[in-house]
């Protein structure tokens, strides 16, 4: 059974006559000071325990950082906090989030990498005074960008894989020094944060394709089943888009698989940048991709597919020597309450539309179902690289 600490009982204990009778002696011997210190330690551990529960309940790294910042502000009052986390799987840029008064703010930290700090924090894996840190590292462009927030402390986020990130903390709002208890709390809290990040990375790897960072087809089909069940219970419609890179096998044979991998990675970035945050993009297999668009009807899904097709047609894949332009073919299928079909059948119909796009010459979008297709053909005239509204 868990022990419940009742601080009222502790205070009653200190108020007992026999204790009060020897109060001066106990105080002189330091007993009362020691008791107060123990009570503070207990409160700190309770706060740390509550903080870790809060942090481990978060589903994204951004939410995890938000929860951590709230706990730091509860424990001390820094003027500013900036988190710089190494890129997660298939991300090229640092995750940078800054806070003033516990509110997310936009701070210009022009930092591309924190790898140069790794060896330092391997030796000193604890909160460090910023001036000492800067002296040890030496002046560089990264440190110059930190000057905009005037940090007082640098706190590493260390884990089994090394340095995950750093936390820059400004002076306390009331300008006093950070106490040893505050420093200890932050160090212990961020050790749990590093474990939470590691768990998040392991979880993400089970859901995502290693090469592109998009969701894998197992996760996509699970979400598609959930969305199909949801639409059957409501009047809403949802859609999927199946995508295939045109002539990708010929591309790989001509330019090599490393160039092909770069195309896959660049296409994945374009897909993520073009879609809404609530859409679910995945690498379905090989050069085929899929997107679930919750709450999107036929025309919305078609226009989203066309927007993506045109973005890919304009995409410049970074490679030396330059690679030829790539294009994609797309198939769209919309489902809802009136269609009692499985996730597999939804994918099959979107694939049928995709194959029709390829059969009609590639680099185009086809929506399954003659109703929308006829409507689109009447409203639009297609060129090889664009879809242009006709004059009515």
Protein backbone atom coordinates (compact mmCIF):
# COMPACT_ATOMS: atom_id res chain seq x y z
CA UNK A 1 0.00 0.00 0.00
CA UNK A 2 1.28 3.47 -0.90
CA UNK A 3 2.26 5.72 2.00
CA UNK A 4 0.33 8.99 2.05
CA UNK A 5 2.23 11.87 3.58
CA UNK A 6 0.00 14.22 5.51
CA UNK A 7 1.79 17.51 6.07
CA UNK A 8 -0.90 18.65 8.50
CA UNK A 9 0.11 15.76 10.76
CA UNK A 10 3.76 16.81 10.44
CA UNK A 11 2.90 20.34 11.51
CA UNK A 12 0.81 18.96 14.39
CA UNK A 13 3.84 16.94 15.44
CA UNK A 14 5.97 20.08 15.60
CA UNK A 15 3.26 21.77 17.69
CA UNK A 16 3.17 19.08 20.35
CA UNK A 17 3.97 20.41 23.86
CA UNK A 18 7.01 18.19 24.37
CA UNK A 19 8.46 19.44 21.08
CA UNK A 20 7.70 23.07 21.88
CA UNK A 21 9.25 22.60 25.31
CA UNK A 22 12.58 21.75 23.65
CA UNK A 23 12.11 23.98 20.64
CA UNK A 24 15.15 26.13 21.32
CA UNK A 25 17.41 23.11 21.79
CA UNK A 26 16.09 21.38 18.69
CA UNK A 27 16.58 24.57 16.71
CA UNK A 28 20.09 25.00 18.06
CA UNK A 29 20.97 21.44 17.12
CA UNK A 30 19.63 22.04 13.59
CA UNK A 31 16.88 19.42 13.90
CA UNK A 32 14.10 21.81 12.88
CA UNK A 33 16.13 23.10 9.94
CA UNK A 34 16.74 19.52 8.86
CA UNK A 35 13.02 18.75 9.10
CA UNK A 36 12.21 21.79 6.95
CA UNK A 37 14.82 20.68 4.43
CA UNK A 38 13.30 17.20 4.29
CA UNK A 39 9.85 18.67 3.76
CA UNK A 40 11.17 20.75 0.86
CA UNK A 41 12.80 17.65 -0.62
CA UNK A 42 9.53 15.75 -0.34
CA UNK A 43 7.67 18.56 -2.07
CA UNK A 44 10.29 18.66 -4.83
CA UNK A 45 9.99 14.92 -5.38
CA UNK A 46 6.20 15.19 -5.48
CA UNK A 47 6.48 17.97 -8.08
CA UNK A 48 8.98 15.92 -10.07
CA UNK A 49 6.71 12.88 -9.94
CA UNK A 50 3.70 14.89 -11.11
CA UNK A 51 5.83 16.45 -13.86
CA UNK A 52 6.98 13.10 -15.22
CA UNK A 53 3.41 11.79 -15.34
CA UNK A 54 2.39 14.91 -17.27
CA UNK A 55 5.33 14.60 -19.69
CA UNK A 56 4.86 10.89 -20.38
CA UNK A 57 1.20 11.46 -21.26
CA UNK A 58 2.13 13.60 -24.29
CA UNK A 59 1.74 12.21 -27.81
CA UNK A 60 4.08 14.54 -29.73
CA UNK A 61 7.47 16.07 -29.06
CA UNK A 62 5.97 19.56 -29.32
CA UNK A 63 3.37 18.72 -26.63
CA UNK A 64 6.13 17.17 -24.54
CA UNK A 65 8.15 20.40 -24.70
CA UNK A 66 5.08 22.48 -23.81
CA UNK A 67 4.44 20.33 -20.73
CA UNK A 68 8.10 20.54 -19.68
CA UNK A 69 8.12 24.34 -19.97
CA UNK A 70 5.03 24.63 -17.78
CA UNK A 71 6.72 22.56 -15.10
CA UNK A 72 9.89 24.63 -15.26
CA UNK A 73 7.88 27.84 -14.88
CA UNK A 74 6.06 26.30 -11.91
CA UNK A 75 9.40 25.61 -10.25
CA UNK A 76 11.23 28.83 -11.19
CA UNK A 77 10.55 31.96 -13.22
CA UNK A 78 13.01 32.29 -16.10
CA UNK A 79 12.65 35.30 -18.38
CA UNK A 80 12.85 33.05 -21.44
CA UNK A 81 13.25 29.36 -22.28
CA UNK A 82 14.39 28.04 -25.66
CA UNK A 83 14.40 24.34 -26.57
CA UNK A 84 16.66 23.18 -29.40
CA UNK A 85 16.16 19.52 -30.25
CA UNK A 86 18.06 17.53 -32.84
CA UNK A 87 16.06 16.60 -35.94
CA UNK A 88 13.80 13.63 -35.47
CA UNK A 89 13.58 10.86 -38.01
CA UNK A 90 13.63 12.20 -41.61
CA UNK A 91 13.59 15.83 -40.54
CA UNK A 92 16.37 18.11 -41.69
CA UNK A 93 15.87 21.05 -39.34
CA UNK A 94 16.21 21.48 -35.59
CA UNK A 95 13.05 21.67 -33.54
CA UNK A 96 13.24 25.12 -31.93
CA UNK A 97 10.58 26.37 -29.51
CA UNK A 98 10.93 29.48 -27.34
CA UNK A 99 8.72 30.72 -24.50
CA UNK A 100 8.28 33.98 -22.58
CA UNK A 101 5.94 34.08 -19.60
CA UNK A 102 4.99 30.47 -20.37
CA UNK A 103 3.76 31.50 -23.85
CA UNK A 104 5.19 30.27 -27.15
CA UNK A 105 6.98 33.13 -28.95
CA UNK A 106 8.87 33.53 -32.22
CA UNK A 107 12.57 34.06 -31.54
CA UNK A 108 15.12 34.31 -34.34
CA UNK A 109 17.69 31.64 -33.49
CA UNK A 110 19.58 30.99 -36.70
CA UNK A 111 20.95 27.59 -35.67
CA UNK A 112 21.32 24.63 -38.03
CA UNK A 113 23.06 22.15 -35.72
CA UNK A 114 24.08 21.58 -32.10
CA UNK A 115 26.43 18.69 -32.88
CA UNK A 116 29.48 20.76 -31.92
CA UNK A 117 28.26 20.78 -28.29
CA UNK A 118 28.08 16.99 -27.96
CA UNK A 119 31.61 16.36 -26.66
CA UNK A 120 31.30 19.13 -24.08
CA UNK A 121 28.09 17.74 -22.60
CA UNK A 122 29.44 14.22 -22.63
CA UNK A 123 31.94 15.53 -20.07
CA UNK A 124 29.52 17.86 -18.23
CA UNK A 125 26.00 16.38 -18.45
CA UNK A 126 24.37 18.95 -16.16
CA UNK A 127 23.14 22.56 -16.11
CA UNK A 128 26.04 24.89 -16.91
CA UNK A 129 26.46 28.64 -16.55
CA UNK A 130 26.26 30.09 -20.04
CA UNK A 131 29.39 32.23 -19.72
CA UNK A 132 31.43 29.18 -18.71
CA UNK A 133 29.86 27.18 -21.54
CA UNK A 134 30.67 29.88 -24.10
CA UNK A 135 34.25 30.16 -22.82
CA UNK A 136 34.78 26.40 -23.18
CA UNK A 137 33.15 26.16 -26.62
CA UNK A 138 34.74 29.30 -28.05
CA UNK A 139 33.11 32.04 -30.09
CA UNK A 140 31.22 30.77 -33.14
CA UNK A 141 28.18 31.71 -35.21
CA UNK A 142 25.87 29.48 -33.17
CA UNK A 143 26.79 31.20 -29.91
CA UNK A 144 26.39 34.60 -31.53
CA UNK A 145 22.79 33.72 -32.43
CA UNK A 146 22.15 32.84 -28.76
CA UNK A 147 23.01 36.40 -27.71
CA UNK A 148 19.53 37.55 -28.77
CA UNK A 149 18.00 35.84 -25.72
CA UNK A 150 20.86 36.52 -23.23
CA UNK A 151 20.90 33.02 -21.71
CA UNK A 152 21.94 32.46 -18.12
CA UNK A 153 21.99 28.65 -18.19
CA UNK A 154 22.49 25.88 -20.72
CA UNK A 155 20.89 22.56 -19.76
CA UNK A 156 21.64 19.46 -21.87
CA UNK A 157 19.07 16.81 -22.72
CA UNK A 158 21.14 13.63 -22.72
CA UNK A 159 20.06 10.10 -23.53
CA UNK A 160 21.39 6.69 -24.61
CA UNK A 161 22.08 8.05 -28.11
CA UNK A 162 24.00 11.07 -26.83
CA UNK A 163 22.87 14.69 -26.94
CA UNK A 164 19.21 15.03 -27.94
CA UNK A 165 19.03 18.76 -27.43
CA UNK A 166 19.78 21.73 -25.21
CA UNK A 167 17.66 24.15 -23.20
CA UNK A 168 18.67 27.80 -22.99
CA UNK A 169 17.30 29.62 -19.97
CA UNK A 170 17.41 33.37 -19.47
CA UNK A 171 17.90 35.10 -16.15
CA UNK A 172 15.11 34.76 -13.62
CA UNK A 173 12.42 37.41 -13.94
CA UNK A 174 13.36 38.89 -10.57
CA UNK A 175 17.05 38.62 -11.55
CA UNK A 176 18.11 36.49 -8.60
CA UNK A 177 20.37 33.45 -9.02
CA UNK A 178 18.98 29.99 -9.69
CA UNK A 179 19.13 27.99 -6.45
CA UNK A 180 20.77 24.59 -6.14
CA UNK A 181 17.32 23.06 -5.66
CA UNK A 182 16.05 24.65 -8.88
CA UNK A 183 19.10 23.43 -10.79
CA UNK A 184 18.69 19.92 -9.36
CA UNK A 185 14.99 19.88 -10.27
CA UNK A 186 15.70 20.93 -13.87
CA UNK A 187 18.46 18.35 -14.26
CA UNK A 188 16.26 15.54 -12.97
CA UNK A 189 13.24 16.72 -14.95
CA UNK A 190 15.17 16.85 -18.22
CA UNK A 191 16.60 13.38 -17.61
CA UNK A 192 13.00 12.16 -17.73
CA UNK A 193 12.36 14.31 -20.80
CA UNK A 194 15.23 12.57 -22.60
CA UNK A 195 13.67 9.17 -21.82
CA UNK A 196 10.28 10.41 -23.02
CA UNK A 197 11.86 11.58 -26.28
CA UNK A 198 13.59 8.22 -26.69
CA UNK A 199 10.27 6.41 -26.14
CA UNK A 200 8.63 8.75 -28.65
CA UNK A 201 11.31 7.96 -31.23
CA UNK A 202 10.86 4.21 -30.73
CA UNK A 203 7.09 4.60 -31.09
CA UNK A 204 7.46 6.76 -34.20
CA UNK A 205 9.71 4.13 -35.82
CA UNK A 206 6.94 1.55 -35.51
CA UNK A 207 4.55 3.87 -37.38
CA UNK A 208 6.78 5.42 -40.01
CA UNK A 209 8.67 4.47 -43.12
CA UNK A 210 12.41 4.75 -42.45
CA UNK A 211 13.37 6.29 -45.79
CA UNK A 212 10.70 9.00 -46.13
CA UNK A 213 9.47 9.63 -42.60
CA UNK A 214 5.87 9.26 -43.77
CA UNK A 215 3.53 6.81 -42.07
CA UNK A 216 3.85 3.20 -43.16
CA UNK A 217 1.05 1.32 -44.90
CA UNK A 218 0.16 -0.68 -41.76
CA UNK A 219 -0.61 2.51 -39.85
CA UNK A 220 -2.35 4.00 -42.91
CA UNK A 221 -4.70 1.01 -43.29
CA UNK A 222 -5.49 1.08 -39.55
CA UNK A 223 -6.41 4.79 -39.76
CA UNK A 224 -8.37 4.17 -42.96
CA UNK A 225 -10.44 1.49 -41.21
CA UNK A 226 -11.14 3.92 -38.36
CA UNK A 227 -12.13 6.67 -40.78
CA UNK A 228 -14.38 4.34 -42.79
CA UNK A 229 -16.16 3.33 -39.58
CA UNK A 230 -16.50 6.99 -38.56
CA UNK A 231 -18.06 8.05 -41.87
CA UNK A 232 -20.60 5.22 -41.62
CA UNK A 233 -21.79 6.70 -38.31
CA UNK A 234 -22.11 10.25 -39.68
CA UNK A 235 -23.07 12.24 -42.75
CA UNK A 236 -19.45 13.19 -43.43
CA UNK A 237 -17.38 12.05 -46.39
CA UNK A 238 -13.67 11.33 -46.52
CA UNK A 239 -11.30 10.55 -49.36
CA UNK A 240 -8.01 8.90 -50.19
CA UNK A 241 -5.44 9.64 -52.85
CA UNK A 242 -3.16 6.96 -54.30
CA UNK A 243 0.04 8.31 -55.88
CA UNK A 244 2.63 6.70 -58.14
CA UNK A 245 5.88 8.21 -59.47
CA UNK A 246 5.86 8.07 -63.24
CA UNK A 247 8.51 5.83 -64.88
CA UNK A 248 10.33 5.39 -61.58
CA UNK A 249 11.90 2.03 -62.49
CA UNK A 250 13.39 3.58 -65.64
CA UNK A 251 14.61 6.49 -63.50
CA UNK A 252 16.38 4.14 -61.06
CA UNK A 253 17.95 2.15 -63.90
CA UNK A 254 19.26 5.35 -65.52
CA UNK A 255 20.38 7.45 -62.55
CA UNK A 256 20.91 4.87 -59.82
CA UNK A 257 19.16 3.95 -56.60
CA UNK A 258 20.80 6.70 -54.53
CA UNK A 259 19.28 9.29 -56.83
CA UNK A 260 16.00 7.37 -56.64
CA UNK A 261 16.13 7.51 -52.83
CA UNK A 262 16.64 11.28 -52.99
CA UNK A 263 13.55 11.55 -55.20
CA UNK A 264 11.50 9.57 -52.66
CA UNK A 265 12.71 11.78 -49.79
CA UNK A 266 12.05 15.01 -51.73
CA UNK A 267 8.61 13.83 -52.77
CA UNK A 268 7.76 12.97 -49.15
CA UNK A 269 8.73 16.49 -48.03
CA UNK A 270 6.59 18.01 -50.80
CA UNK A 271 3.61 15.85 -49.83
CA UNK A 272 3.85 16.93 -46.17
CA UNK A 273 4.23 20.60 -47.10
CA UNK A 274 1.28 20.55 -49.50
CA UNK A 275 -1.27 18.77 -47.31
CA UNK A 276 -3.28 19.89 -44.29
CA UNK A 277 -2.00 19.01 -40.84
CA UNK A 278 -4.92 16.63 -40.29
CA UNK A 279 -4.23 14.60 -43.46
CA UNK A 280 -2.45 11.24 -43.17
CA UNK A 281 0.29 10.69 -45.79
CA UNK A 282 2.03 7.33 -46.09
CA UNK A 283 4.49 5.46 -48.21
CA UNK A 284 2.35 2.57 -49.33
CA UNK A 285 5.23 0.64 -50.86
CA UNK A 286 8.02 1.14 -53.41
CA UNK A 287 7.26 4.32 -55.36
CA UNK A 288 3.58 4.32 -54.38
CA UNK A 289 2.22 6.72 -51.77
CA UNK A 290 -1.21 7.22 -50.24
CA UNK A 291 -2.99 10.04 -48.43
CA UNK A 292 -6.07 9.91 -46.22
CA UNK A 293 -8.05 13.16 -46.21
CA UNK A 294 -10.55 13.05 -43.31
CA UNK A 295 -13.69 15.09 -43.92
CA UNK A 296 -12.87 15.84 -47.57
CA UNK A 297 -15.52 15.32 -50.27
CA UNK A 298 -14.92 14.53 -53.92
CA UNK A 299 -14.10 17.96 -55.25
CA UNK A 300 -11.99 18.91 -52.24
CA UNK A 301 -9.97 15.73 -52.62
CA UNK A 302 -9.56 16.23 -56.37
CA UNK A 303 -8.32 19.77 -55.94
CA UNK A 304 -5.93 18.65 -53.16
CA UNK A 305 -4.55 15.98 -55.51
CA UNK A 306 -4.13 18.51 -58.32
CA UNK A 307 -2.37 20.93 -55.98
CA UNK A 308 0.03 18.15 -55.05
CA UNK A 309 0.54 17.07 -58.67
CA UNK A 310 1.47 20.60 -59.74
CA UNK A 311 3.81 21.03 -56.73
CA UNK A 312 5.68 17.87 -57.74
CA UNK A 313 5.85 19.00 -61.37
CA UNK A 314 7.65 22.13 -60.12
CA UNK A 315 9.90 20.21 -57.71
CA UNK A 316 13.66 20.52 -58.14
CA UNK A 317 15.31 17.49 -56.56
CA UNK A 318 18.73 18.53 -55.16
CA UNK A 319 21.33 16.35 -56.90
CA UNK A 320 24.58 16.71 -58.78
CA UNK A 321 24.38 16.46 -61.72
CA UNK A 322 20.80 17.83 -61.92
CA UNK A 323 18.07 15.22 -62.37
CA UNK A 324 15.23 15.45 -64.90
CA UNK A 325 11.81 16.65 -63.77
CA UNK A 326 9.68 14.00 -62.07
CA UNK A 327 5.91 13.71 -62.31
CA UNK A 328 3.25 11.70 -60.51
CA UNK A 329 -0.06 10.10 -61.40
CA UNK A 330 -2.89 10.15 -58.88
CA UNK A 331 -6.17 8.38 -58.21
CA UNK A 332 -8.88 9.70 -55.88
CA UNK A 333 -11.70 7.84 -54.19
CA UNK A 334 -14.33 9.27 -51.82
CA UNK A 335 -16.29 7.20 -49.32
CA UNK A 336 -19.07 7.84 -46.82
CA UNK A 337 -22.17 6.52 -45.13
CA UNK A 338 -23.80 5.25 -48.34
CA UNK A 339 -20.86 3.00 -49.23
CA UNK A 340 -20.57 -0.16 -47.15
CA UNK A 341 -17.07 -1.15 -48.26
CA UNK A 342 -13.87 -2.18 -46.53
CA UNK A 343 -10.60 -0.29 -46.33
CA UNK A 344 -9.10 -2.73 -48.83
CA UNK A 345 -11.89 -1.99 -51.32
CA UNK A 346 -11.41 1.76 -50.81
CA UNK A 347 -7.72 1.38 -51.71
CA UNK A 348 -8.61 -0.86 -54.67
CA UNK A 349 -10.94 1.75 -56.17
CA UNK A 350 -8.41 4.55 -55.69
CA UNK A 351 -5.86 2.28 -57.41
CA UNK A 352 -8.26 1.82 -60.34
CA UNK A 353 -8.43 5.60 -60.75
CA UNK A 354 -4.63 5.78 -60.48
CA UNK A 355 -4.15 3.17 -63.22
CA UNK A 356 -6.56 5.10 -65.43
CA UNK A 357 -4.40 8.22 -64.93
CA UNK A 358 -1.34 6.25 -66.03
CA UNK A 359 -3.22 4.79 -68.99
CA UNK A 360 -4.31 8.25 -70.14
CA UNK A 361 -0.73 9.47 -70.35
CA UNK A 362 0.45 9.93 -66.74
CA UNK A 363 1.01 13.19 -64.83
CA UNK A 364 -2.69 13.61 -64.17
CA UNK A 365 -5.38 13.05 -61.53
CA UNK A 366 -8.41 10.80 -61.98
CA UNK A 367 -11.32 10.61 -59.54
CA UNK A 368 -13.10 7.25 -59.30
CA UNK A 369 -16.77 7.37 -60.29
CA UNK A 370 -18.20 8.71 -63.49
CA UNK A 371 -20.22 11.50 -61.81
CA UNK A 372 -17.28 13.56 -60.65
CA UNK A 373 -15.11 12.58 -63.60
CA UNK A 374 -17.69 13.85 -66.10
CA UNK A 375 -18.13 17.04 -64.07
CA UNK A 376 -14.40 17.66 -63.97
CA UNK A 377 -14.02 16.99 -67.73
CA UNK A 378 -16.74 19.56 -68.46
CA UNK A 379 -15.15 22.24 -66.25
CA UNK A 380 -11.47 21.71 -67.03
CA UNK A 381 -9.26 21.24 -70.06
CA UNK A 382 -6.03 19.44 -69.22
CA UNK A 383 -2.55 20.07 -70.52
CA UNK A 384 0.37 17.77 -69.74
CA UNK A 385 1.55 19.81 -66.77
CA UNK A 386 -1.48 21.74 -65.63
CA UNK A 387 -5.23 21.85 -65.15
CA UNK A 388 -6.65 25.13 -66.34
CA UNK A 389 -10.26 26.34 -65.85
CA UNK A 390 -12.08 26.91 -69.13
CA UNK A 391 -14.14 30.00 -69.80
CA UNK A 392 -17.85 29.31 -69.37
